[in-house]
């Protein structure tokens, strides 16, 4: 996917190495009202202590990355950093007008780079968690070494697969801003027996939103991108990741087939209104 331009207005914080604390673009984001467990927001995580046991944490002998003090430095640490910043720029540019058209206040999320361990508004960030969204500080958190794991251990390489990671987490930001995340939390509290099914609907909606973003930028897509996305979605289904160790009643992100289906729906329709996973799954 040809995402080359990086806006100077994106919001980036860097906790890697000795660099960090830098905030690119704009002022400080306010904290959201929703406080959800981080576990519900891992793109590939589920429970990092069990279902992600097959995905190793960052290698202990890997060199510590040095972060940037400025937006330009942070987005230039490595190719993965550049890709991630470019994806964020595109996501901001795609979703902000949609919020304006709907008359809903829009706030850009903050991209937080860290290396191995970091801190988020939802608590400690660790590489084994995978990328995640924290609603309390409206931040997307990522250790870019995860992309190597995505390729080597899950067999989902390619720039579009990596963009899908960002687009899914951005989908959680959309849910936060629209109030869907608050409604989900309330619904889970009212129906604890259905909490996992509700969480699955939320995760699949984020997949659908990722597809919508890609569809609205179809002119930037390249041959093989859709196949990369489908491979990534297939490799991260609950049934595939857990290899039967977790029962369907305990799934939190959806099966491989479901994740592919909803990503595909977003790609085909390019319409966020077609991402009502709750009506489809919670009848």
C-alpha atoms as a PDB file:
ATOM      1  CA  UNK A   1       0.000   0.000   0.000  1.00  0.00           C
ATOM      2  CA  UNK A   2       1.505   3.304  -1.073  1.00  0.00           C
ATOM      3  CA  UNK A   3       1.352   5.299   2.165  1.00  0.00           C
ATOM      4  CA  UNK A   4       4.269   7.669   1.722  1.00  0.00           C
ATOM      5  CA  UNK A   5       3.134  10.980   3.174  1.00  0.00           C
ATOM      6  CA  UNK A   6       3.418  11.634   6.894  1.00  0.00           C
ATOM      7  CA  UNK A   7       1.407  14.561   8.204  1.00  0.00           C
ATOM      8  CA  UNK A   8       3.152  16.931  10.582  1.00  0.00           C
ATOM      9  CA  UNK A   9      -0.092  17.067  12.555  1.00  0.00           C
ATOM     10  CA  UNK A  10      -0.177  13.461  13.730  1.00  0.00           C
ATOM     11  CA  UNK A  11       0.350  12.840  17.428  1.00  0.00           C
ATOM     12  CA  UNK A  12       3.281  10.655  18.375  1.00  0.00           C
ATOM     13  CA  UNK A  13       4.958   9.849  21.677  1.00  0.00           C
ATOM     14  CA  UNK A  14       8.126   7.795  21.862  1.00  0.00           C
ATOM     15  CA  UNK A  15       9.212   5.703  24.858  1.00  0.00           C
ATOM     16  CA  UNK A  16      11.958   3.781  23.087  1.00  0.00           C
ATOM     17  CA  UNK A  17      15.408   3.805  24.622  1.00  0.00           C
ATOM     18  CA  UNK A  18      16.537   7.106  26.034  1.00  0.00           C
ATOM     19  CA  UNK A  19      14.559   9.127  23.557  1.00  0.00           C
ATOM     20  CA  UNK A  20      10.934   9.860  24.109  1.00  0.00           C
ATOM     21  CA  UNK A  21       8.244  11.931  25.617  1.00  0.00           C
ATOM     22  CA  UNK A  22       8.081  13.865  22.390  1.00  0.00           C
ATOM     23  CA  UNK A  23       4.645  14.836  21.172  1.00  0.00           C
ATOM     24  CA  UNK A  24       4.298  15.499  17.481  1.00  0.00           C
ATOM     25  CA  UNK A  25       1.539  17.831  16.402  1.00  0.00           C
ATOM     26  CA  UNK A  26      -1.247  19.434  18.375  1.00  0.00           C
ATOM     27  CA  UNK A  27      -1.646  19.626  22.118  1.00  0.00           C
ATOM     28  CA  UNK A  28      -2.127  17.017  24.779  1.00  0.00           C
ATOM     29  CA  UNK A  29      -5.057  14.683  24.352  1.00  0.00           C
ATOM     30  CA  UNK A  30      -7.661  14.636  27.058  1.00  0.00           C
ATOM     31  CA  UNK A  31      -8.469  11.329  28.758  1.00  0.00           C
ATOM     32  CA  UNK A  32     -11.572   9.528  27.601  1.00  0.00           C
ATOM     33  CA  UNK A  33     -14.354   8.579  29.957  1.00  0.00           C
ATOM     34  CA  UNK A  34     -14.168   4.889  29.149  1.00  0.00           C
ATOM     35  CA  UNK A  35     -11.867   2.710  31.253  1.00  0.00           C
ATOM     36  CA  UNK A  36     -11.715  -0.777  29.760  1.00  0.00           C
ATOM     37  CA  UNK A  37      -9.371  -3.649  30.473  1.00  0.00           C
ATOM     38  CA  UNK A  38      -6.465  -3.635  28.081  1.00  0.00           C
ATOM     39  CA  UNK A  39      -7.034  -7.301  27.355  1.00  0.00           C
ATOM     40  CA  UNK A  40     -10.130  -6.415  25.388  1.00  0.00           C
ATOM     41  CA  UNK A  41      -8.134  -4.235  23.043  1.00  0.00           C
ATOM     42  CA  UNK A  42      -5.234  -6.428  21.938  1.00  0.00           C
ATOM     43  CA  UNK A  43      -5.410  -6.932  18.217  1.00  0.00           C
ATOM     44  CA  UNK A  44      -3.683 -10.299  18.404  1.00  0.00           C
ATOM     45  CA  UNK A  45      -3.627 -10.661  22.133  1.00  0.00           C
ATOM     46  CA  UNK A  46      -6.612 -12.293  23.774  1.00  0.00           C
ATOM     47  CA  UNK A  47      -5.005 -13.362  27.034  1.00  0.00           C
ATOM     48  CA  UNK A  48      -1.248 -12.821  26.595  1.00  0.00           C
ATOM     49  CA  UNK A  49      -0.499 -15.338  29.333  1.00  0.00           C
ATOM     50  CA  UNK A  50      -2.316 -18.182  27.625  1.00  0.00           C
ATOM     51  CA  UNK A  51      -3.641 -17.820  24.124  1.00  0.00           C
ATOM     52  CA  UNK A  52      -0.684 -15.783  22.997  1.00  0.00           C
ATOM     53  CA  UNK A  53       1.782 -18.237  24.438  1.00  0.00           C
ATOM     54  CA  UNK A  54       2.659 -19.191  20.887  1.00  0.00           C
ATOM     55  CA  UNK A  55       3.814 -15.634  20.186  1.00  0.00           C
ATOM     56  CA  UNK A  56       7.082 -14.938  21.925  1.00  0.00           C
ATOM     57  CA  UNK A  57       7.846 -11.635  23.537  1.00  0.00           C
ATOM     58  CA  UNK A  58      10.613  -9.480  22.155  1.00  0.00           C
ATOM     59  CA  UNK A  59      13.916 -11.330  22.058  1.00  0.00           C
ATOM     60  CA  UNK A  60      15.963 -10.456  25.113  1.00  0.00           C
ATOM     61  CA  UNK A  61      19.137 -10.185  23.088  1.00  0.00           C
ATOM     62  CA  UNK A  62      17.641  -7.723  20.637  1.00  0.00           C
ATOM     63  CA  UNK A  63      19.330  -4.311  20.668  1.00  0.00           C
ATOM     64  CA  UNK A  64      17.446  -1.597  22.483  1.00  0.00           C
ATOM     65  CA  UNK A  65      16.035   0.918  20.048  1.00  0.00           C
ATOM     66  CA  UNK A  66      16.668   4.603  20.518  1.00  0.00           C
ATOM     67  CA  UNK A  67      13.527   6.652  20.143  1.00  0.00           C
ATOM     68  CA  UNK A  68      13.092  10.127  18.766  1.00  0.00           C
ATOM     69  CA  UNK A  69      12.715  13.485  20.437  1.00  0.00           C
ATOM     70  CA  UNK A  70      10.649  14.920  17.603  1.00  0.00           C
ATOM     71  CA  UNK A  71       7.933  13.674  15.304  1.00  0.00           C
ATOM     72  CA  UNK A  72      10.376  13.428  12.417  1.00  0.00           C
ATOM     73  CA  UNK A  73      12.920  11.489  14.456  1.00  0.00           C
ATOM     74  CA  UNK A  74      10.366   9.057  15.899  1.00  0.00           C
ATOM     75  CA  UNK A  75       8.893   8.309  12.496  1.00  0.00           C
ATOM     76  CA  UNK A  76      12.375   7.710  11.067  1.00  0.00           C
ATOM     77  CA  UNK A  77      13.775   5.237  13.621  1.00  0.00           C
ATOM     78  CA  UNK A  78      13.231   2.372  11.162  1.00  0.00           C
ATOM     79  CA  UNK A  79      11.055   1.414   8.216  1.00  0.00           C
ATOM     80  CA  UNK A  80       8.354   0.042  10.484  1.00  0.00           C
ATOM     81  CA  UNK A  81       8.177   3.377  12.302  1.00  0.00           C
ATOM     82  CA  UNK A  82       7.798   5.217   9.008  1.00  0.00           C
ATOM     83  CA  UNK A  83       5.063   2.848   7.841  1.00  0.00           C
ATOM     84  CA  UNK A  84       3.199   3.158  11.130  1.00  0.00           C
ATOM     85  CA  UNK A  85       3.312   6.965  11.072  1.00  0.00           C
ATOM     86  CA  UNK A  86       2.182   6.981   7.440  1.00  0.00           C
ATOM     87  CA  UNK A  87      -0.724   4.676   8.288  1.00  0.00           C
ATOM     88  CA  UNK A  88      -1.732   6.954  11.170  1.00  0.00           C
ATOM     89  CA  UNK A  89      -1.643   9.968   8.847  1.00  0.00           C
ATOM     90  CA  UNK A  90      -3.923   8.214   6.373  1.00  0.00           C
ATOM     91  CA  UNK A  91      -6.294   7.018   9.074  1.00  0.00           C
ATOM     92  CA  UNK A  92      -6.637  10.517  10.531  1.00  0.00           C
ATOM     93  CA  UNK A  93      -7.279  11.964   7.080  1.00  0.00           C
ATOM     94  CA  UNK A  94      -9.887   9.299   6.324  1.00  0.00           C
ATOM     95  CA  UNK A  95     -11.867   9.267   9.554  1.00  0.00           C
ATOM     96  CA  UNK A  96     -11.898  12.955  10.523  1.00  0.00           C
ATOM     97  CA  UNK A  97     -14.139  14.047   7.608  1.00  0.00           C
ATOM     98  CA  UNK A  98     -16.557  11.210   8.374  1.00  0.00           C
ATOM     99  CA  UNK A  99     -16.905  12.456  11.940  1.00  0.00           C
ATOM    100  CA  UNK A 100     -17.413  16.001  10.705  1.00  0.00           C
ATOM    101  CA  UNK A 101     -20.133  14.858   8.320  1.00  0.00           C
ATOM    102  CA  UNK A 102     -21.856  13.036  11.180  1.00  0.00           C
ATOM    103  CA  UNK A 103     -21.542  16.029  13.512  1.00  0.00           C
ATOM    104  CA  UNK A 104     -19.523  14.053  16.061  1.00  0.00           C
ATOM    105  CA  UNK A 105     -16.511  15.713  17.746  1.00  0.00           C
ATOM    106  CA  UNK A 106     -13.249  14.201  16.552  1.00  0.00           C
ATOM    107  CA  UNK A 107      -9.943  13.925  18.379  1.00  0.00           C
ATOM    108  CA  UNK A 108      -6.854  12.362  16.860  1.00  0.00           C
ATOM    109  CA  UNK A 109      -5.417   9.405  18.760  1.00  0.00           C
ATOM    110  CA  UNK A 110      -1.795   9.432  19.913  1.00  0.00           C
ATOM    111  CA  UNK A 111       0.586   6.835  18.530  1.00  0.00           C
ATOM    112  CA  UNK A 112       2.877   5.565  21.276  1.00  0.00           C
ATOM    113  CA  UNK A 113       6.069   3.736  20.337  1.00  0.00           C
ATOM    114  CA  UNK A 114       7.782   1.637  22.991  1.00  0.00           C
ATOM    115  CA  UNK A 115      10.464  -1.030  23.060  1.00  0.00           C
ATOM    116  CA  UNK A 116       9.872  -4.125  25.184  1.00  0.00           C
ATOM    117  CA  UNK A 117       8.130  -2.324  28.024  1.00  0.00           C
ATOM    118  CA  UNK A 118       6.348   0.969  28.376  1.00  0.00           C
ATOM    119  CA  UNK A 119       3.595   2.783  30.197  1.00  0.00           C
ATOM    120  CA  UNK A 120       0.089   3.597  29.045  1.00  0.00           C
ATOM    121  CA  UNK A 121      -2.949   5.265  30.539  1.00  0.00           C
ATOM    122  CA  UNK A 122      -4.278   1.730  31.071  1.00  0.00           C
ATOM    123  CA  UNK A 123      -1.195   0.485  32.911  1.00  0.00           C
ATOM    124  CA  UNK A 124       1.991  -1.242  31.860  1.00  0.00           C
ATOM    125  CA  UNK A 125       2.610  -1.943  28.189  1.00  0.00           C
ATOM    126  CA  UNK A 126       4.519  -5.096  27.313  1.00  0.00           C
ATOM    127  CA  UNK A 127       5.528  -6.467  23.945  1.00  0.00           C
ATOM    128  CA  UNK A 128       3.825  -9.808  24.617  1.00  0.00           C
ATOM    129  CA  UNK A 129       0.488  -7.986  24.633  1.00  0.00           C
ATOM    130  CA  UNK A 130       0.767  -7.055  20.989  1.00  0.00           C
ATOM    131  CA  UNK A 131      -0.435  -3.666  19.733  1.00  0.00           C
ATOM    132  CA  UNK A 132      -3.366  -2.259  21.689  1.00  0.00           C
ATOM    133  CA  UNK A 133      -5.606   0.753  22.119  1.00  0.00           C
ATOM    134  CA  UNK A 134      -6.024   2.432  25.499  1.00  0.00           C
ATOM    135  CA  UNK A 135      -9.272   4.425  25.712  1.00  0.00           C
ATOM    136  CA  UNK A 136      -8.339   6.322  28.871  1.00  0.00           C
ATOM    137  CA  UNK A 137      -5.583   8.247  27.078  1.00  0.00           C
ATOM    138  CA  UNK A 138      -6.832   7.660  23.514  1.00  0.00           C
ATOM    139  CA  UNK A 139      -3.517   6.064  22.634  1.00  0.00           C
ATOM    140  CA  UNK A 140      -2.442   3.353  20.209  1.00  0.00           C
ATOM    141  CA  UNK A 141       0.542   1.469  21.639  1.00  0.00           C
ATOM    142  CA  UNK A 142       2.980  -0.565  19.594  1.00  0.00           C
ATOM    143  CA  UNK A 143       6.398  -2.153  19.803  1.00  0.00           C
ATOM    144  CA  UNK A 144       7.294  -2.318  16.118  1.00  0.00           C
ATOM    145  CA  UNK A 145       9.264  -5.536  16.623  1.00  0.00           C
ATOM    146  CA  UNK A 146       5.817  -7.135  16.726  1.00  0.00           C
ATOM    147  CA  UNK A 147       5.721  -6.850  12.948  1.00  0.00           C
ATOM    148  CA  UNK A 148       8.591  -9.338  12.725  1.00  0.00           C
ATOM    149  CA  UNK A 149       6.616 -11.750  14.896  1.00  0.00           C
ATOM    150  CA  UNK A 150       3.566 -11.197  12.728  1.00  0.00           C
ATOM    151  CA  UNK A 151       5.592 -12.276   9.716  1.00  0.00           C
ATOM    152  CA  UNK A 152       7.806 -15.024  11.102  1.00  0.00           C
ATOM    153  CA  UNK A 153       5.541 -16.655  13.669  1.00  0.00           C
ATOM    154  CA  UNK A 154       2.073 -16.016  12.293  1.00  0.00           C
ATOM    155  CA  UNK A 155       2.945 -16.048   8.593  1.00  0.00           C
ATOM    156  CA  UNK A 156       1.310 -12.679   7.953  1.00  0.00           C
ATOM    157  CA  UNK A 157       3.936 -10.436   6.410  1.00  0.00           C
ATOM    158  CA  UNK A 158       3.611  -7.480   4.076  1.00  0.00           C
ATOM    159  CA  UNK A 159       2.987  -3.776   4.406  1.00  0.00           C
ATOM    160  CA  UNK A 160      -0.777  -4.101   4.147  1.00  0.00           C
ATOM    161  CA  UNK A 161      -0.842  -6.672   6.950  1.00  0.00           C
ATOM    162  CA  UNK A 162       1.024  -4.159   9.093  1.00  0.00           C
ATOM    163  CA  UNK A 163      -1.346  -1.358   8.060  1.00  0.00           C
ATOM    164  CA  UNK A 164      -4.256  -3.595   9.054  1.00  0.00           C
ATOM    165  CA  UNK A 165      -2.818  -3.747  12.574  1.00  0.00           C
ATOM    166  CA  UNK A 166      -2.946   0.024  12.842  1.00  0.00           C
ATOM    167  CA  UNK A 167      -6.336   0.301  11.155  1.00  0.00           C
ATOM    168  CA  UNK A 168      -7.869  -2.213  13.580  1.00  0.00           C
ATOM    169  CA  UNK A 169      -6.575  -0.326  16.620  1.00  0.00           C
ATOM    170  CA  UNK A 170      -7.804   2.909  15.076  1.00  0.00           C
ATOM    171  CA  UNK A 171     -11.188   1.215  14.778  1.00  0.00           C
ATOM    172  CA  UNK A 172     -11.249   0.982  18.574  1.00  0.00           C
ATOM    173  CA  UNK A 173     -10.571   4.715  18.699  1.00  0.00           C
ATOM    174  CA  UNK A 174     -13.584   5.256  16.452  1.00  0.00           C
ATOM    175  CA  UNK A 175     -15.674   3.147  18.831  1.00  0.00           C
ATOM    176  CA  UNK A 176     -14.430   5.198  21.749  1.00  0.00           C
ATOM    177  CA  UNK A 177     -15.272   8.542  20.148  1.00  0.00           C
ATOM    178  CA  UNK A 178     -18.733   7.459  19.015  1.00  0.00           C
ATOM    179  CA  UNK A 179     -19.639   6.131  22.447  1.00  0.00           C
ATOM    180  CA  UNK A 180     -19.892   2.536  21.245  1.00  0.00           C
ATOM    181  CA  UNK A 181     -17.155   1.467  23.658  1.00  0.00           C
ATOM    182  CA  UNK A 182     -19.117   2.879  26.593  1.00  0.00           C
ATOM    183  CA  UNK A 183     -22.244   1.066  25.467  1.00  0.00           C
ATOM    184  CA  UNK A 184     -20.295  -2.175  25.118  1.00  0.00           C
ATOM    185  CA  UNK A 185     -18.935  -1.886  28.642  1.00  0.00           C
ATOM    186  CA  UNK A 186     -22.393  -1.224  30.030  1.00  0.00           C
ATOM    187  CA  UNK A 187     -23.854  -4.128  28.088  1.00  0.00           C
ATOM    188  CA  UNK A 188     -21.142  -6.457  29.372  1.00  0.00           C
ATOM    189  CA  UNK A 189     -21.822  -5.403  32.946  1.00  0.00           C
ATOM    190  CA  UNK A 190     -25.553  -5.995  32.478  1.00  0.00           C
ATOM    191  CA  UNK A 191     -25.024  -9.352  30.762  1.00  0.00           C
ATOM    192  CA  UNK A 192     -21.856 -10.921  32.216  1.00  0.00           C
ATOM    193  CA  UNK A 193     -22.691 -14.277  30.690  1.00  0.00           C
ATOM    194  CA  UNK A 194     -22.553 -12.730  27.234  1.00  0.00           C
ATOM    195  CA  UNK A 195     -19.485 -10.566  27.883  1.00  0.00           C
ATOM    196  CA  UNK A 196     -17.245 -12.571  25.556  1.00  0.00           C
ATOM    197  CA  UNK A 197     -19.742 -12.600  22.699  1.00  0.00           C
ATOM    198  CA  UNK A 198     -20.138  -8.852  23.077  1.00  0.00           C
ATOM    199  CA  UNK A 199     -16.363  -8.444  22.996  1.00  0.00           C
ATOM    200  CA  UNK A 200     -16.160 -10.544  19.828  1.00  0.00           C
ATOM    201  CA  UNK A 201     -18.685  -8.219  18.173  1.00  0.00           C
ATOM    202  CA  UNK A 202     -16.571  -5.229  19.168  1.00  0.00           C
ATOM    203  CA  UNK A 203     -13.369  -6.728  17.771  1.00  0.00           C
ATOM    204  CA  UNK A 204     -14.996  -7.758  14.512  1.00  0.00           C
ATOM    205  CA  UNK A 205     -16.406  -4.282  14.096  1.00  0.00           C
ATOM    206  CA  UNK A 206     -12.870  -2.912  14.408  1.00  0.00           C
ATOM    207  CA  UNK A 207     -11.846  -5.342  11.654  1.00  0.00           C
ATOM    208  CA  UNK A 208     -14.697  -4.065   9.500  1.00  0.00           C
ATOM    209  CA  UNK A 209     -13.655  -0.470  10.150  1.00  0.00           C
ATOM    210  CA  UNK A 210     -10.132  -1.401   9.052  1.00  0.00           C
ATOM    211  CA  UNK A 211     -11.586  -2.644   5.784  1.00  0.00           C
ATOM    212  CA  UNK A 212     -13.616   0.553   5.366  1.00  0.00           C
ATOM    213  CA  UNK A 213     -10.450   2.631   5.711  1.00  0.00           C
ATOM    214  CA  UNK A 214      -8.692   0.539   3.068  1.00  0.00           C
ATOM    215  CA  UNK A 215     -11.669   0.774   0.725  1.00  0.00           C
ATOM    216  CA  UNK A 216     -11.734   4.552   1.008  1.00  0.00           C
ATOM    217  CA  UNK A 217      -8.062   4.551  -0.019  1.00  0.00           C
ATOM    218  CA  UNK A 218      -8.361   1.919  -2.717  1.00  0.00           C
ATOM    219  CA  UNK A 219      -6.353   4.011  -5.162  1.00  0.00           C
ATOM    220  CA  UNK A 220      -3.323   3.513  -2.915  1.00  0.00           C
ATOM    221  CA  UNK A 221      -3.636  -0.252  -2.749  1.00  0.00           C
ATOM    222  CA  UNK A 222      -1.318  -2.515  -4.694  1.00  0.00           C
ATOM    223  CA  UNK A 223      -1.649  -6.041  -6.094  1.00  0.00           C
ATOM    224  CA  UNK A 224      -1.503  -8.557  -3.277  1.00  0.00           C
ATOM    225  CA  UNK A 225      -2.644  -6.169  -0.536  1.00  0.00           C
ATOM    226  CA  UNK A 226      -6.053  -7.763  -0.072  1.00  0.00           C
ATOM    227  CA  UNK A 227      -4.461 -11.209   0.072  1.00  0.00           C
ATOM    228  CA  UNK A 228      -2.061  -9.957   2.768  1.00  0.00           C
ATOM    229  CA  UNK A 229      -4.989  -8.629   4.764  1.00  0.00           C
ATOM    230  CA  UNK A 230      -6.941 -11.855   4.476  1.00  0.00           C
ATOM    231  CA  UNK A 231      -3.891 -13.882   5.504  1.00  0.00           C
ATOM    232  CA  UNK A 232      -3.405 -11.680   8.556  1.00  0.00           C
ATOM    233  CA  UNK A 233      -7.081 -11.891   9.526  1.00  0.00           C
ATOM    234  CA  UNK A 234      -7.029 -15.666   9.134  1.00  0.00           C
ATOM    235  CA  UNK A 235      -3.883 -16.097  11.211  1.00  0.00           C
ATOM    236  CA  UNK A 236      -5.246 -14.192  14.208  1.00  0.00           C
ATOM    237  CA  UNK A 237      -8.609 -15.831  14.740  1.00  0.00           C
ATOM    238  CA  UNK A 238      -9.237 -17.199  18.220  1.00  0.00           C
ATOM    239  CA  UNK A 239      -9.565 -20.723  16.888  1.00  0.00           C
ATOM    240  CA  UNK A 240      -6.258 -20.502  15.016  1.00  0.00           C
ATOM    241  CA  UNK A 241      -4.269 -18.754  17.736  1.00  0.00           C
ATOM    242  CA  UNK A 242      -5.420 -21.057  20.511  1.00  0.00           C
ATOM    243  CA  UNK A 243      -5.238 -24.280  18.494  1.00  0.00           C
ATOM    244  CA  UNK A 244      -8.259 -25.624  20.333  1.00  0.00           C
ATOM    245  CA  UNK A 245      -7.001 -24.736  23.794  1.00  0.00           C
ATOM    246  CA  UNK A 246      -9.851 -22.280  24.352  1.00  0.00           C
ATOM    247  CA  UNK A 247     -13.529 -23.115  23.843  1.00  0.00           C
ATOM    248  CA  UNK A 248     -15.690 -20.993  21.522  1.00  0.00           C
ATOM    249  CA  UNK A 249     -17.588 -19.666  24.552  1.00  0.00           C
ATOM    250  CA  UNK A 250     -14.348 -18.040  25.697  1.00  0.00           C
ATOM    251  CA  UNK A 251     -13.382 -16.476  22.391  1.00  0.00           C
ATOM    252  CA  UNK A 252     -12.882 -12.730  22.575  1.00  0.00           C
ATOM    253  CA  UNK A 253     -11.852 -11.699  19.050  1.00  0.00           C
ATOM    254  CA  UNK A 254     -13.702 -14.052  16.722  1.00  0.00           C
ATOM    255  CA  UNK A 255     -12.745 -17.010  14.590  1.00  0.00           C
ATOM    256  CA  UNK A 256     -10.474 -16.749  11.574  1.00  0.00           C
ATOM    257  CA  UNK A 257     -13.497 -17.042   9.300  1.00  0.00           C
ATOM    258  CA  UNK A 258     -15.315 -14.258  11.132  1.00  0.00           C
ATOM    259  CA  UNK A 259     -12.337 -11.916  11.063  1.00  0.00           C
ATOM    260  CA  UNK A 260     -11.869 -12.474   7.348  1.00  0.00           C
ATOM    261  CA  UNK A 261     -15.597 -12.001   6.730  1.00  0.00           C
ATOM    262  CA  UNK A 262     -15.828  -8.647   8.476  1.00  0.00           C
ATOM    263  CA  UNK A 263     -12.579  -7.275   7.081  1.00  0.00           C
ATOM    264  CA  UNK A 264     -13.850  -8.281   3.655  1.00  0.00           C
ATOM    265  CA  UNK A 265     -17.194  -6.605   4.273  1.00  0.00           C
ATOM    266  CA  UNK A 266     -15.478  -3.327   5.044  1.00  0.00           C
ATOM    267  CA  UNK A 267     -13.266  -3.689   1.971  1.00  0.00           C
ATOM    268  CA  UNK A 268     -16.200  -4.446  -0.322  1.00  0.00           C
ATOM    269  CA  UNK A 269     -18.630  -1.807   0.921  1.00  0.00           C
ATOM    270  CA  UNK A 270     -16.393   1.024   2.086  1.00  0.00           C
ATOM    271  CA  UNK A 271     -19.338   1.930   4.300  1.00  0.00           C
ATOM    272  CA  UNK A 272     -18.959   2.139   8.059  1.00  0.00           C
ATOM    273  CA  UNK A 273     -22.730   1.727   8.432  1.00  0.00           C
ATOM    274  CA  UNK A 274     -22.329  -1.844   7.173  1.00  0.00           C
ATOM    275  CA  UNK A 275     -20.184  -2.717  10.210  1.00  0.00           C
ATOM    276  CA  UNK A 276     -23.019  -3.439  12.639  1.00  0.00           C
ATOM    277  CA  UNK A 277     -21.557  -6.612  14.066  1.00  0.00           C
ATOM    278  CA  UNK A 278     -23.697  -6.291  17.177  1.00  0.00           C
ATOM    279  CA  UNK A 279     -26.983  -6.772  15.353  1.00  0.00           C
ATOM    280  CA  UNK A 280     -25.502  -9.607  13.336  1.00  0.00           C
ATOM    281  CA  UNK A 281     -23.947 -11.528  16.235  1.00  0.00           C
ATOM    282  CA  UNK A 282     -26.055 -10.741  19.303  1.00  0.00           C
ATOM    283  CA  UNK A 283     -29.542 -11.598  18.097  1.00  0.00           C
END
